[in-house]
């Protein structure tokens, strides 16, 4: 397992759940700085606590593969119960819908199909392109 891949999956899962580094750190019992270092590829001995706080498995965080979770690390309801996670209560408020994906050729499905390392490289490349466009507009 690459510590960088572990950190990338921690960051991706944290973002998916809308959890800040500070909140994850508090849930795990470490500082926000420690979470930042883990996400940047640093070692940790808190993998199980991080997995529990992110409602996923340690195996998925380490490898990106676990039959008990889907591609983005979310555990099935039965797996959540067996890992001691309560089923979330449904939110009666209407949820805002996400804006439509703006790109036609680079679909979200194509990006999700990439490995974590490929996703990072694609993100870096796209960031360079966007910075160029932003510089043109100024």
C-alpha atoms as a PDB file:
ATOM      1  CA  UNK A   1       0.000   0.000   0.000  1.00  0.00           C
ATOM      2  CA  UNK A   2       1.209   3.462  -0.818  1.00  0.00           C
ATOM      3  CA  UNK A   3       0.760   5.984   1.985  1.00  0.00           C
ATOM      4  CA  UNK A   4      -0.047   8.538  -0.714  1.00  0.00           C
ATOM      5  CA  UNK A   5      -2.914   6.370  -2.032  1.00  0.00           C
ATOM      6  CA  UNK A   6      -4.188   5.863   1.542  1.00  0.00           C
ATOM      7  CA  UNK A   7      -4.069   9.622   2.093  1.00  0.00           C
ATOM      8  CA  UNK A   8      -5.806  10.294  -1.213  1.00  0.00           C
ATOM      9  CA  UNK A   9      -8.663   7.933  -0.296  1.00  0.00           C
ATOM     10  CA  UNK A  10      -8.966   9.521   3.169  1.00  0.00           C
ATOM     11  CA  UNK A  11      -9.228  12.953   1.543  1.00  0.00           C
ATOM     12  CA  UNK A  12     -11.678  11.814  -1.147  1.00  0.00           C
ATOM     13  CA  UNK A  13     -13.935  10.060   1.364  1.00  0.00           C
ATOM     14  CA  UNK A  14     -13.766  13.014   3.768  1.00  0.00           C
ATOM     15  CA  UNK A  15     -14.776  15.400   0.986  1.00  0.00           C
ATOM     16  CA  UNK A  16     -17.591  13.070  -0.073  1.00  0.00           C
ATOM     17  CA  UNK A  17     -18.994  13.156   3.461  1.00  0.00           C
ATOM     18  CA  UNK A  18     -18.456  16.909   3.824  1.00  0.00           C
ATOM     19  CA  UNK A  19     -16.189  16.517   6.855  1.00  0.00           C
ATOM     20  CA  UNK A  20     -13.421  19.030   7.557  1.00  0.00           C
ATOM     21  CA  UNK A  21      -9.892  17.956   8.453  1.00  0.00           C
ATOM     22  CA  UNK A  22     -10.474  19.447  11.892  1.00  0.00           C
ATOM     23  CA  UNK A  23     -13.687  17.465  12.446  1.00  0.00           C
ATOM     24  CA  UNK A  24     -12.057  14.232  11.265  1.00  0.00           C
ATOM     25  CA  UNK A  25      -9.116  14.894  13.553  1.00  0.00           C
ATOM     26  CA  UNK A  26     -11.445  15.391  16.520  1.00  0.00           C
ATOM     27  CA  UNK A  27     -13.317  12.168  15.703  1.00  0.00           C
ATOM     28  CA  UNK A  28     -10.045  10.238  15.512  1.00  0.00           C
ATOM     29  CA  UNK A  29      -8.317  11.978  18.416  1.00  0.00           C
ATOM     30  CA  UNK A  30      -5.580  13.731  16.433  1.00  0.00           C
ATOM     31  CA  UNK A  31      -4.973  17.286  15.261  1.00  0.00           C
ATOM     32  CA  UNK A  32      -6.053  18.833  11.973  1.00  0.00           C
ATOM     33  CA  UNK A  33      -2.353  19.038  11.090  1.00  0.00           C
ATOM     34  CA  UNK A  34      -2.027  15.265  11.582  1.00  0.00           C
ATOM     35  CA  UNK A  35      -4.944  14.667   9.195  1.00  0.00           C
ATOM     36  CA  UNK A  36      -3.369  17.029   6.653  1.00  0.00           C
ATOM     37  CA  UNK A  37      -0.097  15.074   6.883  1.00  0.00           C
ATOM     38  CA  UNK A  38      -1.907  11.738   6.485  1.00  0.00           C
ATOM     39  CA  UNK A  39      -3.716  13.044   3.405  1.00  0.00           C
ATOM     40  CA  UNK A  40      -0.369  14.202   1.997  1.00  0.00           C
ATOM     41  CA  UNK A  41       1.027  10.672   2.295  1.00  0.00           C
ATOM     42  CA  UNK A  42       2.240  10.528   5.875  1.00  0.00           C
ATOM     43  CA  UNK A  43       2.093   7.351   7.946  1.00  0.00           C
ATOM     44  CA  UNK A  44      -0.559   6.780  10.588  1.00  0.00           C
ATOM     45  CA  UNK A  45      -1.372   4.242  13.243  1.00  0.00           C
ATOM     46  CA  UNK A  46      -4.968   5.494  13.392  1.00  0.00           C
ATOM     47  CA  UNK A  47      -6.236   3.724  10.271  1.00  0.00           C
ATOM     48  CA  UNK A  48      -9.092   1.880  11.973  1.00  0.00           C
ATOM     49  CA  UNK A  49     -10.341   5.018  13.730  1.00  0.00           C
ATOM     50  CA  UNK A  50     -10.122   6.994  10.491  1.00  0.00           C
ATOM     51  CA  UNK A  51     -12.045   4.272   8.633  1.00  0.00           C
ATOM     52  CA  UNK A  52     -14.764   4.253  11.305  1.00  0.00           C
ATOM     53  CA  UNK A  53     -15.063   8.049  11.260  1.00  0.00           C
ATOM     54  CA  UNK A  54     -15.320   7.980   7.456  1.00  0.00           C
ATOM     55  CA  UNK A  55     -17.892   5.151   7.533  1.00  0.00           C
ATOM     56  CA  UNK A  56     -15.732   2.841   5.433  1.00  0.00           C
ATOM     57  CA  UNK A  57     -13.317  -0.029   5.978  1.00  0.00           C
ATOM     58  CA  UNK A  58      -9.597   0.004   6.643  1.00  0.00           C
ATOM     59  CA  UNK A  59      -9.153  -2.388   3.720  1.00  0.00           C
ATOM     60  CA  UNK A  60     -10.748   0.114   1.324  1.00  0.00           C
ATOM     61  CA  UNK A  61      -8.612   2.978   2.644  1.00  0.00           C
ATOM     62  CA  UNK A  62      -5.479   0.854   2.241  1.00  0.00           C
ATOM     63  CA  UNK A  63      -6.204  -0.746  -1.141  1.00  0.00           C
ATOM     64  CA  UNK A  64      -9.209   0.951  -2.708  1.00  0.00           C
ATOM     65  CA  UNK A  65     -10.800  -2.489  -2.974  1.00  0.00           C
ATOM     66  CA  UNK A  66     -13.237  -4.142  -0.578  1.00  0.00           C
ATOM     67  CA  UNK A  67     -16.250  -6.252  -1.480  1.00  0.00           C
ATOM     68  CA  UNK A  68     -18.134  -4.686   1.442  1.00  0.00           C
ATOM     69  CA  UNK A  69     -17.996  -1.169  -0.014  1.00  0.00           C
ATOM     70  CA  UNK A  70     -18.758   0.523  -3.301  1.00  0.00           C
ATOM     71  CA  UNK A  71     -16.200   2.317  -5.485  1.00  0.00           C
ATOM     72  CA  UNK A  72     -16.272   5.489  -3.388  1.00  0.00           C
ATOM     73  CA  UNK A  73     -15.785   3.738  -0.050  1.00  0.00           C
ATOM     74  CA  UNK A  74     -19.377   3.749   1.204  1.00  0.00           C
ATOM     75  CA  UNK A  75     -20.318   0.621   3.139  1.00  0.00           C
ATOM     76  CA  UNK A  76     -23.539  -1.226   2.413  1.00  0.00           C
ATOM     77  CA  UNK A  77     -26.233  -0.987   5.110  1.00  0.00           C
ATOM     78  CA  UNK A  78     -25.558  -4.546   6.292  1.00  0.00           C
ATOM     79  CA  UNK A  79     -21.825  -3.829   6.503  1.00  0.00           C
ATOM     80  CA  UNK A  80     -22.489  -0.638   8.481  1.00  0.00           C
ATOM     81  CA  UNK A  81     -24.508  -2.638  11.000  1.00  0.00           C
ATOM     82  CA  UNK A  82     -21.830  -5.356  11.276  1.00  0.00           C
ATOM     83  CA  UNK A  83     -19.149  -2.678  11.813  1.00  0.00           C
ATOM     84  CA  UNK A  84     -21.252  -1.008  14.509  1.00  0.00           C
ATOM     85  CA  UNK A  85     -22.406   1.932  12.412  1.00  0.00           C
ATOM     86  CA  UNK A  86     -26.010   2.905  12.926  1.00  0.00           C
ATOM     87  CA  UNK A  87     -28.110   3.364   9.846  1.00  0.00           C
ATOM     88  CA  UNK A  88     -28.447   7.050   9.125  1.00  0.00           C
ATOM     89  CA  UNK A  89     -31.870   8.542   9.710  1.00  0.00           C
ATOM     90  CA  UNK A  90     -33.429   9.895   6.541  1.00  0.00           C
ATOM     91  CA  UNK A  91     -33.402  13.666   6.268  1.00  0.00           C
ATOM     92  CA  UNK A  92     -36.974  14.855   5.629  1.00  0.00           C
ATOM     93  CA  UNK A  93     -35.782  18.116   4.071  1.00  0.00           C
ATOM     94  CA  UNK A  94     -35.474  18.179   0.286  1.00  0.00           C
ATOM     95  CA  UNK A  95     -31.869  17.847  -0.806  1.00  0.00           C
ATOM     96  CA  UNK A  96     -30.482  20.366  -3.258  1.00  0.00           C
ATOM     97  CA  UNK A  97     -29.693  18.794  -6.574  1.00  0.00           C
ATOM     98  CA  UNK A  98     -26.165  19.029  -7.848  1.00  0.00           C
ATOM     99  CA  UNK A  99     -25.621  21.180 -10.900  1.00  0.00           C
ATOM    100  CA  UNK A 100     -25.245  19.185 -14.099  1.00  0.00           C
ATOM    101  CA  UNK A 101     -21.745  18.021 -15.002  1.00  0.00           C
ATOM    102  CA  UNK A 102     -20.393  20.769 -17.286  1.00  0.00           C
ATOM    103  CA  UNK A 103     -18.033  18.679 -19.409  1.00  0.00           C
ATOM    104  CA  UNK A 104     -19.238  16.586 -22.344  1.00  0.00           C
ATOM    105  CA  UNK A 105     -16.185  14.447 -23.203  1.00  0.00           C
ATOM    106  CA  UNK A 106     -14.593  14.126 -19.758  1.00  0.00           C
ATOM    107  CA  UNK A 107     -17.562  12.617 -17.958  1.00  0.00           C
ATOM    108  CA  UNK A 108     -17.633  11.979 -14.222  1.00  0.00           C
ATOM    109  CA  UNK A 109     -17.974   8.256 -14.947  1.00  0.00           C
ATOM    110  CA  UNK A 110     -14.758   8.249 -16.978  1.00  0.00           C
ATOM    111  CA  UNK A 111     -12.925  10.079 -14.218  1.00  0.00           C
ATOM    112  CA  UNK A 112     -14.261   7.759 -11.494  1.00  0.00           C
ATOM    113  CA  UNK A 113     -13.083   4.757 -13.539  1.00  0.00           C
ATOM    114  CA  UNK A 114      -9.460   5.915 -13.238  1.00  0.00           C
ATOM    115  CA  UNK A 115      -7.144   4.679 -10.510  1.00  0.00           C
ATOM    116  CA  UNK A 116      -6.521   7.100  -7.628  1.00  0.00           C
ATOM    117  CA  UNK A 117      -3.076   7.906  -9.059  1.00  0.00           C
ATOM    118  CA  UNK A 118      -4.557   8.581 -12.498  1.00  0.00           C
ATOM    119  CA  UNK A 119      -7.278  10.754 -10.946  1.00  0.00           C
ATOM    120  CA  UNK A 120      -4.633  12.840  -9.172  1.00  0.00           C
ATOM    121  CA  UNK A 121      -2.682  13.309 -12.414  1.00  0.00           C
ATOM    122  CA  UNK A 122      -5.852  14.226 -14.324  1.00  0.00           C
ATOM    123  CA  UNK A 123      -6.810  16.677 -11.571  1.00  0.00           C
ATOM    124  CA  UNK A 124      -3.351  18.270 -11.703  1.00  0.00           C
ATOM    125  CA  UNK A 125      -3.504  18.562 -15.505  1.00  0.00           C
ATOM    126  CA  UNK A 126      -6.996  20.047 -15.448  1.00  0.00           C
ATOM    127  CA  UNK A 127      -5.921  22.504 -12.754  1.00  0.00           C
ATOM    128  CA  UNK A 128      -3.106  23.750 -15.027  1.00  0.00           C
ATOM    129  CA  UNK A 129      -5.589  24.225 -17.884  1.00  0.00           C
ATOM    130  CA  UNK A 130      -8.043  26.110 -15.654  1.00  0.00           C
ATOM    131  CA  UNK A 131      -5.307  28.381 -14.299  1.00  0.00           C
ATOM    132  CA  UNK A 132      -4.419  29.255 -17.894  1.00  0.00           C
ATOM    133  CA  UNK A 133      -8.028  30.169 -18.676  1.00  0.00           C
ATOM    134  CA  UNK A 134      -8.317  32.170 -15.454  1.00  0.00           C
ATOM    135  CA  UNK A 135      -5.143  34.092 -16.317  1.00  0.00           C
ATOM    136  CA  UNK A 136      -6.565  34.932 -19.762  1.00  0.00           C
ATOM    137  CA  UNK A 137      -9.674  36.418 -18.171  1.00  0.00           C
ATOM    138  CA  UNK A 138      -7.748  38.883 -15.999  1.00  0.00           C
END
